[in-house]
Every structure is written in C-alpha cells, then in structure tokens.
Protein backbone atom coordinates (compact mmCIF):
# COMPACT_ATOMS: atom_id res chain seq x y z
CA MET A 1 10.71 -26.27 -4.52
CA ARG A 2 10.47 -22.51 -4.71
CA ALA A 3 13.08 -21.04 -7.00
CA LEU A 4 15.87 -19.21 -5.20
CA LEU A 5 16.33 -16.41 -7.65
CA ALA A 6 13.92 -13.48 -7.37
CA TYR A 7 13.78 -10.88 -10.03
CA SER A 8 11.64 -7.98 -11.08
CA THR A 9 9.84 -7.58 -14.36
CA GLN A 10 7.85 -4.76 -15.85
CA TYR A 11 4.33 -5.66 -16.94
CA PHE A 12 3.33 -2.51 -18.74
CA THR A 13 2.28 -2.93 -22.32
CA ASP A 14 0.00 0.07 -22.70
CA GLY A 15 0.90 3.61 -21.78
CA ILE A 16 -2.54 4.88 -20.93
CA ARG A 17 -3.03 8.32 -19.44
CA PRO A 18 -5.63 8.57 -16.68
CA THR A 19 -7.66 10.99 -18.81
CA GLU A 20 -7.81 8.40 -21.57
CA GLY A 21 -8.34 5.63 -19.00
CA ALA A 22 -8.46 1.94 -19.53
CA ALA A 23 -12.20 2.13 -19.10
CA THR A 24 -12.57 4.07 -22.35
CA GLY A 25 -10.84 1.34 -24.31
CA LYS A 26 -8.69 3.93 -26.06
CA GLY A 27 -4.95 3.30 -25.68
CA THR A 28 -2.04 5.25 -27.05
CA GLY A 29 -0.17 2.30 -28.50
CA LEU A 30 2.46 -0.15 -27.38
CA VAL A 31 5.15 1.12 -25.02
CA ASP A 32 8.20 -1.06 -24.59
CA GLN A 33 9.45 0.67 -21.45
CA VAL A 34 8.19 3.48 -19.28
CA ALA A 35 10.95 4.92 -17.17
CA ASP A 36 8.85 6.03 -14.23
CA THR A 37 6.33 3.18 -14.03
CA PRO A 38 6.25 0.93 -10.94
CA LYS A 39 7.61 -2.59 -11.17
CA LEU A 40 5.89 -5.77 -10.04
CA ASN A 41 8.32 -8.03 -8.14
CA VAL A 42 7.42 -11.73 -8.24
CA GLU A 43 9.22 -15.04 -7.73
CA PRO A 44 8.75 -18.25 -9.75
CA LEU A 45 6.37 -20.73 -8.11
CA GLY A 46 7.18 -24.37 -7.43
CA ALA A 47 4.94 -27.40 -7.78
CA SER A 48 1.99 -27.32 -5.43
CA SER A 49 -1.50 -28.73 -4.98
CA SER A 50 -2.79 -25.18 -4.96
CA LEU A 51 -1.01 -23.13 -7.58
CA ARG A 52 -3.91 -20.70 -7.61
CA ALA A 53 -3.33 -19.91 -3.94
CA LEU A 54 0.40 -19.47 -4.52
CA ALA A 55 -0.22 -17.26 -7.56
CA TYR A 56 -2.75 -15.23 -5.58
CA ASP A 57 -0.34 -14.70 -2.69
CA ALA A 58 2.55 -13.76 -5.00
CA LEU A 59 0.50 -11.31 -7.06
CA LYS A 60 -1.21 -9.69 -4.10
CA ARG A 61 2.11 -9.22 -2.31
CA ALA A 62 3.72 -7.75 -5.42
CA ILE A 63 0.80 -5.38 -6.08
CA THR A 64 0.77 -4.24 -2.45
CA GLU A 65 4.46 -3.33 -2.70
CA MET A 66 3.99 -1.21 -5.82
CA ASP A 67 3.89 2.57 -5.87
CA ILE A 68 0.61 2.68 -7.76
CA TYR A 69 0.22 6.47 -7.56
CA GLY A 70 3.81 7.33 -8.40
CA SER A 71 3.08 7.47 -12.12
CA ASN A 72 0.24 8.70 -14.32
CA THR A 73 0.46 5.53 -16.39
CA ASP A 74 -2.23 2.93 -15.80
CA ILE A 75 -0.79 -0.36 -14.59
CA ARG A 76 -1.65 -3.22 -16.93
CA LEU A 77 -0.80 -6.80 -15.92
CA ASP A 78 0.46 -9.03 -18.72
CA GLU A 79 -0.96 -12.52 -18.19
CA ARG A 80 1.56 -14.19 -20.50
CA GLN A 81 4.53 -12.53 -18.84
CA LEU A 82 3.20 -13.35 -15.39
CA SER A 83 2.80 -16.99 -16.42
CA GLU A 84 6.42 -17.12 -17.60
CA ASP A 85 7.85 -15.38 -14.56
CA LEU A 86 5.88 -17.38 -12.01
CA GLY A 87 6.62 -20.60 -13.87
CA VAL A 88 3.00 -21.77 -14.06
CA SER A 89 0.31 -22.05 -16.72
CA ARG A 90 -2.13 -19.23 -17.32
CA THR A 91 -4.98 -21.06 -15.56
CA PRO A 92 -3.88 -20.37 -11.96
CA ILE A 93 -2.97 -16.82 -13.02
CA ARG A 94 -6.51 -16.24 -14.31
CA GLU A 95 -8.03 -17.81 -11.20
CA ALA A 96 -5.88 -15.62 -8.95
CA MET A 97 -6.84 -12.54 -10.96
CA THR A 98 -10.52 -13.36 -10.48
CA VAL A 99 -10.09 -13.39 -6.71
CA LEU A 100 -8.04 -10.19 -6.76
CA GLU A 101 -10.75 -8.50 -8.82
CA GLN A 102 -13.40 -9.57 -6.32
CA GLU A 103 -11.28 -8.01 -3.57
CA GLY A 104 -10.88 -4.75 -5.49
CA PHE A 105 -7.16 -4.97 -6.26
CA VAL A 106 -7.51 -5.27 -10.04
CA ARG A 107 -10.19 -4.69 -12.66
CA SER A 108 -10.85 -6.34 -15.99
CA VAL A 109 -11.46 -4.10 -19.00
CA PRO A 110 -12.93 -5.83 -22.10
CA ARG A 111 -10.47 -6.01 -25.00
CA ARG A 112 -7.86 -4.15 -22.95
CA GLY A 113 -6.76 -6.51 -20.16
CA ILE A 114 -6.34 -6.51 -16.39
CA PHE A 115 -5.38 -3.29 -14.61
CA VAL A 116 -4.36 -2.53 -11.04
CA VAL A 117 -7.12 -0.44 -9.46
CA ARG A 118 -6.29 3.23 -8.84
CA LYS A 119 -8.82 5.19 -6.80
CA THR A 120 -10.08 8.71 -7.49
CA LYS A 121 -9.21 11.54 -5.11
CA ARG A 122 -12.72 11.45 -3.65
CA GLN A 123 -12.50 7.70 -3.06
CA LEU A 124 -9.05 8.06 -1.48
CA VAL A 125 -10.25 10.70 0.99
CA GLU A 126 -13.14 8.40 1.93
CA MET A 127 -10.73 5.48 2.40
CA ILE A 128 -8.45 7.59 4.59
CA THR A 129 -11.45 8.56 6.74
CA VAL A 130 -12.36 4.91 7.21
CA TRP A 131 -8.74 4.06 8.00
CA ALA A 132 -8.65 6.88 10.59
CA ALA A 133 -11.64 5.35 12.37
CA LEU A 134 -10.15 1.85 12.36
CA GLU A 135 -6.58 2.76 13.30
CA SER A 136 -7.66 5.18 16.03
CA MET A 137 -9.71 2.40 17.62
CA ALA A 138 -6.74 0.06 17.30
CA ALA A 139 -4.62 2.69 19.08
CA ARG A 140 -7.19 2.94 21.85
CA LEU A 141 -7.03 -0.82 22.34
CA ALA A 142 -3.23 -0.89 22.03
CA ALA A 143 -2.90 1.61 24.90
CA THR A 144 -3.97 -1.12 27.29
CA ARG A 145 -3.02 -4.26 25.36
CA ALA A 146 0.40 -3.55 23.85
CA THR A 147 3.40 -4.93 25.71
CA ALA A 148 6.41 -2.87 26.74
CA ALA A 149 8.38 -4.71 24.05
CA ASP A 150 5.79 -3.71 21.44
CA LEU A 151 6.09 -0.04 22.36
CA ALA A 152 9.88 -0.19 22.46
CA SER A 153 9.83 -1.57 18.92
CA LEU A 154 7.78 1.44 17.81
CA ARG A 155 10.45 3.81 19.10
CA ARG A 156 13.21 1.83 17.43
CA LEU A 157 11.57 2.41 14.06
CA PHE A 158 12.60 6.05 14.30
CA ASN A 159 16.01 5.78 15.98
CA ASP A 160 17.81 6.51 12.72
CA PHE A 161 15.95 9.80 12.27
CA GLU A 162 16.79 11.42 15.61
CA ALA A 163 20.17 12.76 14.50
CA GLU A 164 19.00 13.94 11.08
CA ARG A 165 15.69 15.23 9.83
CA PRO A 166 13.44 12.60 8.17
CA ALA A 167 13.33 14.85 5.09
CA ALA A 168 16.99 13.96 4.50
CA HIS A 169 16.11 10.26 4.23
CA VAL A 170 12.63 10.17 2.71
CA PRO A 171 12.69 6.60 1.26
CA GLU A 172 13.87 5.12 4.56
CA TYR A 173 11.47 7.23 6.60
CA SER A 174 8.58 6.29 4.33
CA LYS A 175 9.20 2.60 5.08
CA ALA A 176 9.35 3.28 8.82
CA ASN A 177 6.15 5.29 8.55
CA ILE A 178 4.28 2.42 6.92
CA ALA A 179 5.64 -0.06 9.49
CA PHE A 180 4.50 2.24 12.32
CA HIS A 181 0.89 2.27 11.19
CA GLN A 182 0.86 -1.46 10.52
CA ALA A 183 2.22 -2.05 14.02
CA ILE A 184 -0.51 0.02 15.68
CA ILE A 185 -3.19 -1.93 13.81
CA ARG A 186 -1.57 -5.18 14.92
CA MET A 187 -1.00 -4.11 18.55
CA GLY A 188 -4.70 -3.33 18.95
CA GLY A 189 -5.20 -7.07 19.12
CA SER A 190 -8.41 -7.06 17.05
CA ALA A 191 -8.35 -9.62 14.25
CA LEU A 192 -11.42 -7.98 12.71
CA ILE A 193 -9.72 -4.58 12.46
CA VAL A 194 -6.67 -6.25 10.91
CA ASP A 195 -8.90 -7.96 8.33
CA MET A 196 -10.86 -4.79 7.56
CA THR A 197 -7.71 -2.76 6.93
CA GLU A 198 -5.97 -5.39 4.80
CA ASN A 199 -7.56 -4.44 1.49
CA LEU A 200 -7.22 -0.72 2.25
CA PHE A 201 -3.51 -1.09 2.83
CA LEU A 202 -2.50 -1.09 -0.84
CA HIS A 203 -3.88 2.40 -1.30
CA MET A 204 -2.93 3.74 2.14
CA ARG A 205 0.66 2.66 1.64
CA ALA A 206 0.83 4.31 -1.77
CA ILE A 207 -0.82 7.52 -0.51
CA ARG A 208 1.56 7.83 2.42
CA THR A 209 4.56 7.21 0.16
CA VAL A 210 3.52 10.04 -2.16
CA SER A 211 2.36 12.50 0.51
CA ILE A 212 5.38 12.17 2.81
CA GLN A 213 7.33 14.50 0.51
CA GLN A 214 4.76 17.31 0.56
CA ASP A 215 4.38 20.31 2.89
CA ASN A 216 7.28 19.25 5.13
CA ARG A 217 5.10 16.26 5.98
CA SER A 218 7.94 13.96 7.04
CA ASP A 219 9.11 16.27 9.86
CA VAL A 220 5.56 16.89 11.07
CA SER A 221 4.79 13.18 10.81
CA MET A 222 7.81 12.31 12.97
CA GLN A 223 6.66 14.68 15.73
CA GLU A 224 3.14 13.28 15.62
CA HIS A 225 4.44 9.70 15.76
CA MET A 226 6.44 10.50 18.89
CA ALA A 227 3.37 12.03 20.53
CA ILE A 228 1.35 8.91 19.71
CA ILE A 229 4.03 6.67 21.21
CA ASP A 230 4.08 8.86 24.34
CA ALA A 231 0.32 8.41 24.71
CA LEU A 232 0.60 4.64 24.28
CA GLU A 233 3.41 4.43 26.83
CA ALA A 234 1.33 6.51 29.24
CA ARG A 235 -1.46 3.96 28.76
CA ASP A 236 -3.84 6.76 27.84
CA PRO A 237 -6.49 5.29 25.47
CA GLU A 238 -8.36 8.56 24.86
CA ARG A 239 -5.26 10.53 23.95
CA ALA A 240 -3.83 7.75 21.78
CA GLU A 241 -7.11 7.42 19.89
CA ARG A 242 -7.43 11.19 19.35
CA LEU A 243 -3.84 11.66 18.18
CA VAL A 244 -4.00 8.80 15.67
CA ARG A 245 -7.30 10.06 14.29
CA GLU A 246 -5.98 13.63 13.93
CA HIS A 247 -2.75 12.36 12.38
CA THR A 248 -4.58 10.34 9.74
CA MET A 249 -7.17 13.02 8.98
CA ALA A 250 -4.27 15.44 8.35
CA LEU A 251 -3.30 13.05 5.55
CA ALA A 252 -6.82 13.39 4.11
CA ALA A 253 -6.44 17.17 4.12
CA LEU A 254 -3.08 16.86 2.37
CA VAL A 255 -4.57 14.66 -0.35
CA GLU A 256 -7.38 17.17 -0.84
CA LYS A 257 -4.86 20.01 -1.19
CA HIS A 258 -2.01 18.47 -3.18
CA GLY A 259 -3.15 15.07 -4.42
CA GLN A 260 -2.60 14.45 -8.13
CA PHE A 261 -4.93 11.50 -8.41
CA PRO A 262 -7.54 10.39 -10.96
CA GLU A 263 -10.76 12.37 -10.72
C-alpha cells in the first residue's frame, strides 16, 4: 500500500557551479544545505511486482516538477537518500536512473554521481523552436477538434487574472501558463505530438517559469493567450497555428536576450 504521508527532501550533496560543472569532476566540497536549490518531492513506494516502474514514475514526476534553472547549483541525486525516502532498495533506483538517463532527464558522471540534465542556452533555443513547431500544429488541429468544453476550460485558467494583472500573482499565473500549453498539446488529439513533447516538457516548464518574470512577459503572455483562445473558438486553424508559433518563438527571443543558462 502506498504510504499516505508525502514529504520533500533535498538531494544536493555537491554545490557545483556551472562553470566548474559536474563534467569536469571538480567539486567545491560538501554542502549540507543550499537555500535556493530546488527540492525533489517524492513519496515512499509500496510493495509491487515492478518497483523499477514505480521508482521511474516517482522520480520522473519529481524531476519534472523541479525548477531546474532557478539556481546555478547543479542538481545531484543522492541514490542512498532516494532509496530511504522511496522505501525501496537501491536496485530499482539504479534501474530507474538508467531509463531516465536514456531519455535525457539525468546524466551519470564518473566518480561524481547522477545529475539532472540542464541544457545550454543554445540547446534551449533549439528545443523551444521544436516545441513551437509541435504546439502550433497541435493548435491547428485543436481548432477543429477541441470541444466547446475544452475551450471553456482554457478561459477558466485565466479567470483569476482578469481583475488584477498577472504580474501581481506570478507563481499562480506561471502554473496557469504551463497548464494552458499542456492543454493545447492535448486538445490537438495527436498521440504522437503528445509523446514527442513529453521529454521536452521538463525544460519548457522550467524555461517558462523563469522567463515569465522578465520584460513584463506575464502581461504580454496573458494577452497572447486570449488571442489564441479567440482563434480556437473561431475555429480558425491558420490563425491559431500562427499565434501559437509566434507566442512560443517570442520565448526563444527572450531566452536569447535575458537567459542566464549554462553555455
């Protein structure tokens, strides 16, 4: 039976600056706590015939929810601590890590450990460009496939921000922003597009969370979201596709201009 109590634990044992990088093998020593580092939230796992699958799901979900670009500290995963917190042996943890590394979520550095993958600015801009192509096609499909209830749910995401500017509630707006883009991908009705965007989502979520506070982006983003919803409600595939593409490519330009990411 899955344990009822969820808790969060910090898994950072090395405070490594991006310039020193885990790949160099040169750390700066043991750090007990780093105030601004993200936290990995996991729940203990119960008995199962596939503990590896459960460990994989729990770790992938926790990594996806992290703000991986909110700190300059590399994110090292402590296998022993993960084993204790998930309530399983290290074997399913290692097996899950192997799959996550194959999918590009983590990387193994000899004699240093397992680290959550953080992309360079150039790689992030390329990922955003790919996402723009995929989400804009999903929007084109959604213009004819989404139900009235689907589109109404998109508008409800932003009801709380009509009376006050999104900039006054950045954390809440950031969550609505992420949900908006996930919904468009889903409403396109293409399982292949959903699958192709899944492994990009970790980085896209983190990029949007960081960028939403720059250049009055939240207010501009809100206006662009409303225009996209208008196009979907008008059942205009060309306009919906163009607006989503332009909206996402504006994010790429923002990353190029302000992004403080590894080079």
